[in-house]
Amino acid sequence: METSAARPHPTLAAASRERRDIVSGEVMEEARLIRFVTGPDGQAVPDLARKLPGRGMWVAADRASVTAAAKKGLFARAAKAKVAAPPDLADQVEALLRVRLLSGLGLARRAGDLTSGFEKVSSAISSGKAAWLIEATDGAADGRRKIMALARKASPAPGVVGVFGAAELGLALGLENVIHTAFLAGRAAERWAEDVRRLAGFSPLLPEDWREEPVEAKREP
């Protein structure tokens, strides 16, 4: 079963930050959108942190919407100016989201919001402290099945992310051979989850062959 990421309940502040998707015309919360600005070279530039200067152009956080915006010239229409968009813009967004997620894991480890290793992660899941289980895509299947079975039985069940290899996780965390990691529940995990949900619009959160090992991957904030 494919992993899905639960949509957070919007606070009053979040609900007030709504933008119109230039593809569908639908008004959405910013957390469900990708902001773009026009770069110095006239190219549409993804602004995942929503901090770059310039007029924002907002697109739903999914591959089809970003591809449509690039292909149909919708950035230029929204900006009322000449704006080019490369055909691989959706791939660029996916790559940037992956970088943000890895960076977020590194920050979480330094802040004490992350734990790694089979025993420590199992304990965090069993105690209900794990908001997210991050599994290396190239880890041993036996260990993965055991820890995901534990996650399936937990209450609340952690979300599950399986998009990074052990080397990527190790580099981000400053550790070696990182296979099992848990992001502990809290504000940092909620912020990290926003990018997880956006990434889910561009790439599956679990490898195809893991989907035969069903696990509840929703985490209500």
Foldseek 3Di string as FASTA:
>chain_A
DFFAEDDADDDPVQVVQWDAALQPRDIDGQLQKWWWAQDPVQETHTDRVPPDDHDIHIHGLALVGVQCCQVVVSVCVVNVHRHHYDNCNLVVVLVVLVVVLLLLVQVCVVVVQKDFDLVVLLVCQQVVFFQEKEFAQPDDPVSVLVSLVSLQPGVVRHAYAYDHHQVSNCVSNVHHRTGIMTGTDDPSVVVSSSSVNSSVNYDGRHDPVCVVSDGHRYGHD
